[in-house]
């Protein structure tokens, strides 16, 4: 780490509580906005405060998972899949690991999509995420 990176990191430490507060406010807003959609929202235990590094929704149907991922990208919404299970990475596959070795990790991977969550995210941008998700799921 360079001196400049260290100085930047140190200056950001003074704002950490604000960053965490903003991320939690936005995550709580997602919790409310996404109610009623056929997705699972992240569980947050009430007795602990999370930094809410990611906001990962789970799509219960594998066919819908790919459809939602591709559809969100087409709407210009930066979604990602977190994370490919370690045993499915090329290095570990060469070591003999294969699909089916860790079914719980694979099941999570087949459902999980992270939607945008960052401190500068505006409510209008969250509303766009909601509109896109509603369009990508059949009418309930």
N, C-alpha and C. Protein backbone atom coordinates (compact mmCIF):
# COMPACT_ATOMS: atom_id res chain seq x y z
N UNK A 1 0.85 -1.17 0.00
CA UNK A 1 0.00 0.00 0.00
C UNK A 1 0.90 1.24 0.00
N UNK A 2 0.55 2.20 -0.83
CA UNK A 2 1.33 3.43 -0.89
C UNK A 2 0.90 4.37 0.23
N UNK A 3 1.70 5.41 0.46
CA UNK A 3 1.35 6.42 1.47
C UNK A 3 0.05 7.12 1.10
N UNK A 4 -0.15 7.37 -0.18
CA UNK A 4 -1.38 8.05 -0.62
C UNK A 4 -2.59 7.16 -0.37
N UNK A 5 -2.48 5.86 -0.68
CA UNK A 5 -3.59 4.93 -0.42
C UNK A 5 -3.88 4.86 1.08
N UNK A 6 -2.83 4.84 1.88
CA UNK A 6 -3.02 4.80 3.33
C UNK A 6 -3.72 6.05 3.83
N UNK A 7 -3.31 7.21 3.32
CA UNK A 7 -3.93 8.47 3.73
C UNK A 7 -5.41 8.50 3.33
N UNK A 8 -5.70 8.05 2.12
CA UNK A 8 -7.09 7.99 1.66
C UNK A 8 -7.91 7.05 2.54
N UNK A 9 -7.37 5.88 2.81
CA UNK A 9 -8.06 4.91 3.67
C UNK A 9 -8.30 5.47 5.06
N UNK A 10 -7.32 6.14 5.61
CA UNK A 10 -7.46 6.73 6.95
C UNK A 10 -8.54 7.80 6.95
N UNK A 11 -8.58 8.62 5.91
CA UNK A 11 -9.61 9.67 5.85
C UNK A 11 -11.01 9.06 5.74
N UNK A 12 -11.12 7.94 5.05
CA UNK A 12 -12.42 7.28 4.89
C UNK A 12 -12.88 6.63 6.20
N UNK A 13 -11.96 6.24 7.06
CA UNK A 13 -12.32 5.62 8.34
C UNK A 13 -13.19 6.54 9.18
N UNK A 14 -12.98 7.84 9.06
CA UNK A 14 -13.77 8.81 9.83
C UNK A 14 -15.22 8.86 9.33
N UNK A 15 -15.46 8.38 8.12
CA UNK A 15 -16.79 8.41 7.53
C UNK A 15 -17.47 7.03 7.54
N UNK A 16 -16.79 6.04 8.10
CA UNK A 16 -17.28 4.66 8.05
C UNK A 16 -18.68 4.51 8.64
N UNK A 17 -18.93 5.10 9.78
CA UNK A 17 -20.27 4.99 10.39
C UNK A 17 -21.34 5.56 9.47
N UNK A 18 -21.03 6.68 8.81
CA UNK A 18 -22.00 7.26 7.87
C UNK A 18 -22.24 6.33 6.69
N UNK A 19 -21.16 5.75 6.14
CA UNK A 19 -21.30 4.82 5.02
C UNK A 19 -22.19 3.63 5.40
N UNK A 20 -21.94 3.08 6.56
CA UNK A 20 -22.72 1.91 7.01
C UNK A 20 -24.18 2.30 7.22
N UNK A 21 -24.41 3.45 7.79
CA UNK A 21 -25.77 3.92 8.02
C UNK A 21 -26.52 4.10 6.70
N UNK A 22 -25.89 4.72 5.73
CA UNK A 22 -26.52 4.93 4.42
C UNK A 22 -26.82 3.59 3.75
N UNK A 23 -25.87 2.67 3.78
CA UNK A 23 -26.07 1.36 3.14
C UNK A 23 -27.21 0.61 3.81
N UNK A 24 -27.32 0.70 5.13
CA UNK A 24 -28.42 0.04 5.84
C UNK A 24 -29.76 0.69 5.52
N UNK A 25 -29.78 2.00 5.40
CA UNK A 25 -31.02 2.69 5.03
C UNK A 25 -31.48 2.23 3.64
N UNK A 26 -30.55 2.17 2.70
CA UNK A 26 -30.88 1.73 1.34
C UNK A 26 -31.31 0.26 1.32
N UNK A 27 -30.62 -0.58 2.07
CA UNK A 27 -30.99 -2.01 2.13
C UNK A 27 -32.37 -2.18 2.74
N UNK A 28 -32.67 -1.42 3.79
CA UNK A 28 -34.00 -1.49 4.41
C UNK A 28 -35.08 -1.03 3.43
N UNK A 29 -34.75 -0.04 2.62
CA UNK A 29 -35.70 0.42 1.61
C UNK A 29 -35.93 -0.68 0.58
N UNK A 30 -34.87 -1.35 0.14
CA UNK A 30 -35.04 -2.50 -0.76
C UNK A 30 -35.94 -3.56 -0.11
N UNK A 31 -35.71 -3.83 1.17
CA UNK A 31 -36.53 -4.83 1.87
C UNK A 31 -38.01 -4.53 1.69
N UNK A 32 -38.37 -3.26 1.83
CA UNK A 32 -39.77 -2.86 1.70
C UNK A 32 -40.24 -2.89 0.24
N UNK A 33 -39.42 -2.36 -0.65
CA UNK A 33 -39.80 -2.28 -2.07
C UNK A 33 -40.01 -3.65 -2.70
N UNK A 34 -39.21 -4.62 -2.29
CA UNK A 34 -39.21 -5.93 -2.95
C UNK A 34 -40.24 -6.90 -2.38
N UNK A 35 -40.95 -6.49 -1.34
CA UNK A 35 -41.99 -7.36 -0.79
C UNK A 35 -43.02 -7.67 -1.87
N UNK A 36 -43.46 -8.91 -1.90
CA UNK A 36 -44.46 -9.32 -2.87
C UNK A 36 -43.90 -9.89 -4.16
N UNK A 37 -42.61 -9.72 -4.38
CA UNK A 37 -41.99 -10.35 -5.55
C UNK A 37 -41.56 -11.77 -5.19
N UNK A 38 -41.53 -12.67 -6.17
CA UNK A 38 -41.15 -14.06 -5.87
C UNK A 38 -39.63 -14.23 -5.74
N UNK A 39 -39.07 -13.49 -4.79
CA UNK A 39 -37.65 -13.56 -4.52
C UNK A 39 -37.45 -13.63 -3.02
N UNK A 40 -36.28 -14.07 -2.63
CA UNK A 40 -35.90 -14.08 -1.22
C UNK A 40 -34.92 -12.93 -1.02
N UNK A 41 -35.22 -12.07 -0.02
CA UNK A 41 -34.33 -10.95 0.27
C UNK A 41 -33.33 -11.38 1.34
N UNK A 42 -32.22 -10.66 1.46
CA UNK A 42 -31.20 -11.06 2.45
C UNK A 42 -31.74 -11.00 3.87
N UNK A 43 -31.38 -12.00 4.64
CA UNK A 43 -31.77 -12.01 6.05
C UNK A 43 -30.81 -11.12 6.83
N UNK A 44 -31.35 -10.29 7.68
CA UNK A 44 -30.54 -9.44 8.55
C UNK A 44 -31.01 -9.69 9.98
N UNK A 45 -30.13 -10.25 10.79
CA UNK A 45 -30.49 -10.49 12.18
C UNK A 45 -30.62 -9.15 12.91
N UNK A 46 -31.68 -8.97 13.68
CA UNK A 46 -31.93 -7.66 14.30
C UNK A 46 -30.90 -7.26 15.38
N UNK A 47 -30.23 -8.23 15.97
CA UNK A 47 -29.32 -7.86 17.06
C UNK A 47 -27.92 -7.43 16.60
N UNK A 48 -27.66 -7.49 15.29
CA UNK A 48 -26.36 -7.08 14.77
C UNK A 48 -26.54 -6.10 13.62
N UNK A 49 -25.59 -5.23 13.46
CA UNK A 49 -25.60 -4.27 12.36
C UNK A 49 -24.62 -4.76 11.30
N UNK A 50 -25.11 -4.91 10.09
CA UNK A 50 -24.27 -5.34 8.98
C UNK A 50 -23.77 -4.12 8.22
N UNK A 51 -22.62 -4.23 7.60
CA UNK A 51 -22.13 -3.17 6.72
C UNK A 51 -22.83 -3.20 5.37
N UNK A 52 -23.61 -4.27 5.13
CA UNK A 52 -24.38 -4.42 3.89
C UNK A 52 -23.49 -4.23 2.67
N UNK A 53 -22.42 -4.99 2.64
CA UNK A 53 -21.47 -4.95 1.52
C UNK A 53 -22.17 -5.23 0.20
N UNK A 54 -23.05 -6.22 0.18
CA UNK A 54 -23.81 -6.59 -1.02
C UNK A 54 -25.28 -6.74 -0.64
N UNK A 55 -26.15 -6.60 -1.61
CA UNK A 55 -27.57 -6.90 -1.42
C UNK A 55 -27.90 -8.00 -2.41
N UNK A 56 -27.96 -9.22 -1.90
CA UNK A 56 -28.14 -10.39 -2.76
C UNK A 56 -29.56 -10.91 -2.62
N UNK A 57 -30.26 -10.93 -3.76
CA UNK A 57 -31.59 -11.53 -3.80
C UNK A 57 -31.43 -12.94 -4.33
N UNK A 58 -32.39 -13.79 -3.97
CA UNK A 58 -32.38 -15.17 -4.48
C UNK A 58 -33.62 -15.41 -5.30
N UNK A 59 -33.38 -15.90 -6.51
CA UNK A 59 -34.44 -16.24 -7.45
C UNK A 59 -34.65 -17.75 -7.33
N UNK A 60 -35.86 -18.17 -6.98
CA UNK A 60 -36.07 -19.58 -6.66
C UNK A 60 -36.10 -20.51 -7.86
N UNK A 61 -36.35 -19.99 -9.04
CA UNK A 61 -36.45 -20.83 -10.23
C UNK A 61 -35.21 -20.60 -11.10
N UNK A 62 -34.47 -21.66 -11.41
CA UNK A 62 -33.23 -21.52 -12.18
C UNK A 62 -33.47 -20.86 -13.54
N UNK A 63 -34.59 -21.18 -14.18
CA UNK A 63 -34.89 -20.56 -15.47
C UNK A 63 -35.10 -19.05 -15.29
N UNK A 64 -35.80 -18.67 -14.24
CA UNK A 64 -36.01 -17.25 -13.95
C UNK A 64 -34.71 -16.56 -13.58
N UNK A 65 -33.81 -17.29 -12.93
CA UNK A 65 -32.53 -16.71 -12.49
C UNK A 65 -31.79 -16.14 -13.69
N UNK A 66 -31.61 -16.92 -14.72
CA UNK A 66 -30.90 -16.47 -15.92
C UNK A 66 -31.68 -15.36 -16.62
N UNK A 67 -32.99 -15.51 -16.68
CA UNK A 67 -33.86 -14.51 -17.31
C UNK A 67 -33.75 -13.16 -16.59
N UNK A 68 -33.79 -13.20 -15.28
CA UNK A 68 -33.70 -11.96 -14.49
C UNK A 68 -32.32 -11.34 -14.64
N UNK A 69 -31.28 -12.16 -14.55
CA UNK A 69 -29.91 -11.64 -14.68
C UNK A 69 -29.72 -10.93 -16.03
N UNK A 70 -30.08 -11.61 -17.10
CA UNK A 70 -29.91 -11.04 -18.44
C UNK A 70 -30.83 -9.83 -18.64
N UNK A 71 -32.05 -9.92 -18.14
CA UNK A 71 -33.00 -8.82 -18.27
C UNK A 71 -32.54 -7.56 -17.54
N UNK A 72 -32.01 -7.73 -16.36
CA UNK A 72 -31.52 -6.57 -15.60
C UNK A 72 -30.36 -5.92 -16.34
N UNK A 73 -29.49 -6.72 -16.90
CA UNK A 73 -28.37 -6.18 -17.68
C UNK A 73 -28.89 -5.42 -18.90
N UNK A 74 -29.92 -5.96 -19.55
CA UNK A 74 -30.50 -5.27 -20.71
C UNK A 74 -31.11 -3.93 -20.32
N UNK A 75 -31.65 -3.83 -19.11
CA UNK A 75 -32.19 -2.57 -18.60
C UNK A 75 -31.08 -1.61 -18.17
N UNK A 76 -29.83 -2.04 -18.27
CA UNK A 76 -28.72 -1.19 -17.88
C UNK A 76 -28.46 -1.17 -16.38
N UNK A 77 -28.93 -2.19 -15.69
CA UNK A 77 -28.75 -2.27 -14.24
C UNK A 77 -27.61 -3.23 -13.96
N UNK A 78 -26.62 -2.75 -13.23
CA UNK A 78 -25.43 -3.54 -12.94
C UNK A 78 -25.67 -4.58 -11.87
N UNK A 79 -26.03 -5.76 -12.31
CA UNK A 79 -26.20 -6.89 -11.39
C UNK A 79 -25.01 -7.83 -11.57
N UNK A 80 -24.77 -8.64 -10.55
CA UNK A 80 -23.69 -9.63 -10.61
C UNK A 80 -24.13 -10.90 -9.93
N UNK A 81 -23.34 -11.92 -10.14
CA UNK A 81 -23.56 -13.20 -9.46
C UNK A 81 -22.42 -13.38 -8.48
N UNK A 82 -22.78 -13.54 -7.23
CA UNK A 82 -21.77 -13.73 -6.17
C UNK A 82 -22.08 -15.02 -5.42
N UNK A 83 -21.22 -15.82 -5.32
CA UNK A 83 -19.96 -16.04 -6.00
C UNK A 83 -19.98 -17.43 -6.59
N UNK A 84 -19.17 -17.64 -7.62
CA UNK A 84 -19.05 -18.99 -8.17
C UNK A 84 -18.41 -19.85 -7.07
N UNK A 85 -19.01 -20.98 -6.73
CA UNK A 85 -18.42 -21.81 -5.68
C UNK A 85 -16.96 -22.16 -5.98
N UNK A 86 -16.17 -22.15 -4.96
CA UNK A 86 -14.73 -22.38 -5.11
C UNK A 86 -14.45 -23.69 -5.83
N UNK A 87 -15.18 -24.75 -5.50
CA UNK A 87 -14.88 -26.05 -6.10
C UNK A 87 -15.20 -26.10 -7.60
N UNK A 88 -15.91 -25.09 -8.11
CA UNK A 88 -16.21 -25.04 -9.54
C UNK A 88 -15.24 -24.13 -10.30
N UNK A 89 -14.31 -23.55 -9.60
CA UNK A 89 -13.27 -22.74 -10.24
C UNK A 89 -12.31 -23.69 -10.98
N UNK A 90 -11.75 -23.25 -12.10
CA UNK A 90 -10.90 -24.12 -12.91
C UNK A 90 -9.77 -24.81 -12.13
N UNK A 91 -9.12 -24.11 -11.24
CA UNK A 91 -8.01 -24.70 -10.47
C UNK A 91 -8.49 -25.91 -9.66
N UNK A 92 -9.63 -25.76 -9.01
CA UNK A 92 -10.12 -26.84 -8.16
C UNK A 92 -10.76 -27.96 -8.99
N UNK A 93 -11.30 -27.63 -10.14
CA UNK A 93 -11.81 -28.67 -11.03
C UNK A 93 -10.66 -29.58 -11.48
N UNK A 94 -9.50 -28.96 -11.76
CA UNK A 94 -8.33 -29.75 -12.15
C UNK A 94 -7.89 -30.68 -11.02
N UNK A 95 -8.22 -30.31 -9.80
CA UNK A 95 -7.85 -31.14 -8.65
C UNK A 95 -8.87 -32.27 -8.42
N UNK A 96 -9.92 -32.30 -9.24
CA UNK A 96 -10.87 -33.40 -9.16
C UNK A 96 -12.23 -33.02 -8.58
N UNK A 97 -12.41 -31.79 -8.16
CA UNK A 97 -13.73 -31.37 -7.66
C UNK A 97 -14.68 -31.26 -8.84
N UNK A 98 -15.94 -31.55 -8.56
CA UNK A 98 -16.92 -31.54 -9.65
C UNK A 98 -18.28 -31.05 -9.15
N UNK A 99 -19.11 -30.75 -10.13
CA UNK A 99 -20.48 -30.35 -9.83
C UNK A 99 -21.13 -31.46 -9.00
N UNK A 100 -21.82 -31.06 -7.96
CA UNK A 100 -22.48 -32.01 -7.08
C UNK A 100 -21.73 -32.26 -5.79
N UNK A 101 -20.47 -31.86 -5.71
CA UNK A 101 -19.68 -32.09 -4.50
C UNK A 101 -20.19 -31.27 -3.32
N UNK A 102 -20.65 -30.06 -3.58
CA UNK A 102 -21.12 -29.17 -2.51
C UNK A 102 -22.47 -28.58 -2.93
N UNK A 103 -23.53 -29.37 -2.77
CA UNK A 103 -24.84 -28.98 -3.32
C UNK A 103 -25.43 -27.70 -2.71
N UNK A 104 -25.13 -27.41 -1.46
CA UNK A 104 -25.69 -26.20 -0.85
C UNK A 104 -25.06 -24.96 -1.49
N UNK A 105 -23.75 -24.96 -1.68
CA UNK A 105 -23.07 -23.85 -2.34
C UNK A 105 -23.57 -23.70 -3.77
N UNK A 106 -23.77 -24.82 -4.45
CA UNK A 106 -24.25 -24.78 -5.83
C UNK A 106 -25.68 -24.26 -5.90
N UNK A 107 -26.50 -24.65 -4.94
CA UNK A 107 -27.89 -24.18 -4.92
C UNK A 107 -27.93 -22.66 -4.71
N UNK A 108 -27.09 -22.16 -3.78
CA UNK A 108 -27.03 -20.71 -3.57
C UNK A 108 -26.60 -20.01 -4.86
N UNK A 109 -25.58 -20.53 -5.49
CA UNK A 109 -25.04 -19.95 -6.73
C UNK A 109 -26.11 -19.91 -7.82
N UNK A 110 -26.96 -20.92 -7.88
CA UNK A 110 -27.97 -20.99 -8.94
C UNK A 110 -29.13 -20.03 -8.71
N UNK A 111 -29.18 -19.41 -7.53
CA UNK A 111 -30.29 -18.51 -7.19
C UNK A 111 -29.87 -17.06 -6.98
N UNK A 112 -28.62 -16.82 -6.64
CA UNK A 112 -28.18 -15.52 -6.13
C UNK A 112 -27.85 -14.52 -7.24
N UNK A 113 -28.36 -13.31 -7.05
CA UNK A 113 -28.02 -12.17 -7.90
C UNK A 113 -27.86 -10.97 -6.97
N UNK A 114 -26.76 -10.25 -7.12
CA UNK A 114 -26.62 -9.03 -6.32
C UNK A 114 -27.12 -7.86 -7.13
N UNK A 115 -27.93 -7.03 -6.48
CA UNK A 115 -28.46 -5.83 -7.12
C UNK A 115 -27.69 -4.63 -6.57
N UNK A 116 -27.74 -3.50 -7.27
CA UNK A 116 -26.92 -2.36 -6.86
C UNK A 116 -27.18 -1.89 -5.43
N UNK A 117 -26.09 -1.67 -4.72
CA UNK A 117 -26.14 -1.09 -3.38
C UNK A 117 -24.80 -0.40 -3.13
N UNK A 118 -24.83 0.91 -3.07
CA UNK A 118 -23.64 1.70 -2.80
C UNK A 118 -24.10 3.03 -2.20
N UNK A 119 -23.21 3.73 -1.55
CA UNK A 119 -23.62 4.89 -0.76
C UNK A 119 -24.20 6.03 -1.59
N UNK A 120 -23.86 6.14 -2.85
CA UNK A 120 -24.41 7.21 -3.69
C UNK A 120 -25.68 6.79 -4.44
N UNK A 121 -26.17 5.57 -4.18
CA UNK A 121 -27.38 5.09 -4.85
C UNK A 121 -28.56 5.98 -4.46
N UNK A 122 -29.28 6.45 -5.45
CA UNK A 122 -30.42 7.32 -5.20
C UNK A 122 -31.71 6.51 -5.19
N UNK A 123 -32.72 7.04 -4.49
CA UNK A 123 -34.00 6.34 -4.43
C UNK A 123 -34.58 6.13 -5.82
N UNK A 124 -34.39 7.07 -6.72
CA UNK A 124 -34.89 6.91 -8.09
C UNK A 124 -34.22 5.73 -8.78
N UNK A 125 -32.96 5.48 -8.46
CA UNK A 125 -32.27 4.33 -9.04
C UNK A 125 -32.80 3.02 -8.44
N UNK A 126 -33.10 3.04 -7.14
CA UNK A 126 -33.71 1.85 -6.53
C UNK A 126 -35.08 1.59 -7.15
N UNK A 127 -35.82 2.66 -7.40
CA UNK A 127 -37.14 2.51 -8.03
C UNK A 127 -37.01 1.89 -9.42
N UNK A 128 -35.95 2.24 -10.15
CA UNK A 128 -35.70 1.65 -11.48
C UNK A 128 -35.44 0.15 -11.35
N UNK A 129 -34.67 -0.24 -10.33
CA UNK A 129 -34.41 -1.66 -10.08
C UNK A 129 -35.73 -2.38 -9.83
N UNK A 130 -36.58 -1.79 -9.00
CA UNK A 130 -37.88 -2.40 -8.69
C UNK A 130 -38.73 -2.54 -9.95
N UNK A 131 -38.81 -1.48 -10.75
CA UNK A 131 -39.61 -1.55 -11.98
C UNK A 131 -39.12 -2.65 -12.90
N UNK A 132 -37.81 -2.76 -13.03
CA UNK A 132 -37.24 -3.79 -13.90
C UNK A 132 -37.58 -5.18 -13.37
N UNK A 133 -37.42 -5.39 -12.08
CA UNK A 133 -37.74 -6.70 -11.50
C UNK A 133 -39.21 -7.05 -11.69
N UNK A 134 -40.08 -6.07 -11.50
CA UNK A 134 -41.52 -6.33 -11.69
C UNK A 134 -41.82 -6.72 -13.12
N UNK A 135 -41.13 -6.10 -14.07
CA UNK A 135 -41.37 -6.43 -15.48
C UNK A 135 -40.83 -7.81 -15.84
N UNK A 136 -39.79 -8.24 -15.13
CA UNK A 136 -39.15 -9.51 -15.47
C UNK A 136 -39.84 -10.73 -14.87
N UNK A 137 -40.72 -10.50 -13.92
CA UNK A 137 -41.46 -11.60 -13.33
C UNK A 137 -42.89 -11.59 -13.87
N UNK A 138 -43.43 -12.77 -14.12
CA UNK A 138 -44.83 -12.82 -14.55
C UNK A 138 -45.72 -12.20 -13.46
N UNK A 139 -46.86 -11.68 -13.89
CA UNK A 139 -47.80 -11.08 -12.95
C UNK A 139 -48.20 -12.12 -11.91
N UNK A 140 -48.12 -11.68 -10.67
CA UNK A 140 -48.44 -12.59 -9.56
C UNK A 140 -49.92 -12.64 -9.30
